[in-house]
Amino acid sequence: MFYVYILKDKNNKLYVGYSNDLKRRISEHTRQKVYTSKRMEQPKLIYYEAYNSEVLAKERERKLKQRGSSKKGLLKRLGYK
């Protein structure tokens, strides 16, 4: 299984990533073992999606990292502007 996830820190900064082991990856972010999360304060998992294919997970991550309608629509459903 592959996962696309979104983290939010206490300053409302968002991070989008993907992993084949969600628990491990979130633990790494929480312990600031990941370069990007070293700049985040107290990152928390706010959303994830599961995929059977790594290709599909990478494609979804790429679309969410772009400033397009995929990200806007998801953030709207999650209660963000």
Protein backbone atom coordinates (compact mmCIF):
# COMPACT_ATOMS: atom_id res chain seq x y z
CA MET A 1 0.00 0.00 0.00
CA PHE A 2 1.15 3.53 -0.76
CA TYR A 3 -0.09 6.67 0.97
CA VAL A 4 -0.36 10.33 0.08
CA TYR A 5 -0.59 12.49 3.19
CA ILE A 6 -0.86 16.08 4.33
CA LEU A 7 0.75 17.44 7.47
CA LYS A 8 -0.04 20.74 9.15
CA ASP A 9 2.10 22.47 11.74
CA LYS A 10 1.08 24.86 14.49
CA ASN A 11 1.69 27.82 12.13
CA ASN A 12 -0.77 26.28 9.60
CA LYS A 13 1.99 25.42 7.11
CA LEU A 14 1.08 22.41 5.01
CA TYR A 15 3.29 19.62 3.69
CA VAL A 16 2.27 17.01 1.10
CA GLY A 17 4.17 13.73 0.78
CA TYR A 18 3.86 10.06 -0.03
CA SER A 19 5.20 6.88 1.51
CA ASN A 20 4.75 3.12 1.52
CA ASP A 21 4.82 3.08 5.35
CA LEU A 22 2.65 5.87 6.71
CA LYS A 23 3.26 5.22 10.43
CA ARG A 24 7.04 5.22 9.98
CA ARG A 25 7.00 8.34 7.83
CA ILE A 26 4.80 10.31 10.23
CA SER A 27 7.08 9.24 13.09
CA GLU A 28 10.09 10.53 11.12
CA HIS A 29 8.35 13.86 10.56
CA THR A 30 7.36 14.13 14.23
CA ARG A 31 10.93 13.42 15.35
CA GLN A 32 12.19 15.90 12.73
CA LYS A 33 14.23 13.27 10.90
CA VAL A 34 13.02 14.61 7.54
CA TYR A 35 14.61 17.73 6.02
CA THR A 36 11.30 19.45 5.26
CA SER A 37 9.80 18.83 8.68
CA LYS A 38 12.81 20.39 10.41
CA ARG A 39 11.28 23.71 9.35
CA MET A 40 7.84 22.73 10.69
CA GLU A 41 6.79 23.16 14.29
CA GLN A 42 4.87 20.19 15.71
CA PRO A 43 3.65 18.65 12.42
CA LYS A 44 0.41 16.66 12.63
CA LEU A 45 -1.26 14.38 10.14
CA ILE A 46 -4.51 15.95 8.92
CA TYR A 47 -5.30 13.80 5.87
CA TYR A 48 -4.22 10.73 3.94
CA GLU A 49 -5.26 8.61 0.97
CA ALA A 50 -4.29 4.98 0.28
CA TYR A 51 -3.31 3.59 -3.13
CA ASN A 52 -2.45 0.10 -4.39
CA SER A 53 0.00 1.54 -6.90
CA GLU A 54 3.12 3.62 -6.26
CA VAL A 55 2.63 5.28 -9.65
CA LEU A 56 -0.86 6.48 -8.68
CA ALA A 57 0.34 7.73 -5.29
CA LYS A 58 3.21 9.70 -6.87
CA GLU A 59 0.86 11.20 -9.45
CA ARG A 60 -1.61 12.30 -6.74
CA GLU A 61 1.22 13.79 -4.66
CA ARG A 62 2.45 15.72 -7.70
CA LYS A 63 -1.03 17.08 -8.40
CA LEU A 64 -1.52 18.14 -4.79
CA LYS A 65 1.86 19.90 -4.73
CA GLN A 66 0.85 21.97 -7.75
CA ARG A 67 -1.23 25.07 -7.19
CA GLY A 68 -4.17 23.67 -9.14
CA SER A 69 -7.76 22.67 -8.62
CA SER A 70 -6.87 19.28 -7.07
CA LYS A 71 -5.23 20.94 -4.09
CA LYS A 72 -7.81 23.72 -3.84
CA GLY A 73 -10.69 21.24 -3.91
CA LEU A 74 -9.18 19.01 -1.25
CA LEU A 75 -8.29 21.91 1.04
CA LYS A 76 -11.82 23.26 0.66
CA ARG A 77 -13.25 19.87 1.71
CA LEU A 78 -10.90 19.91 4.70
CA GLY A 79 -12.10 23.37 5.74
CA TYR A 80 -9.22 25.48 4.43
CA LYS A 81 -9.60 28.49 2.15
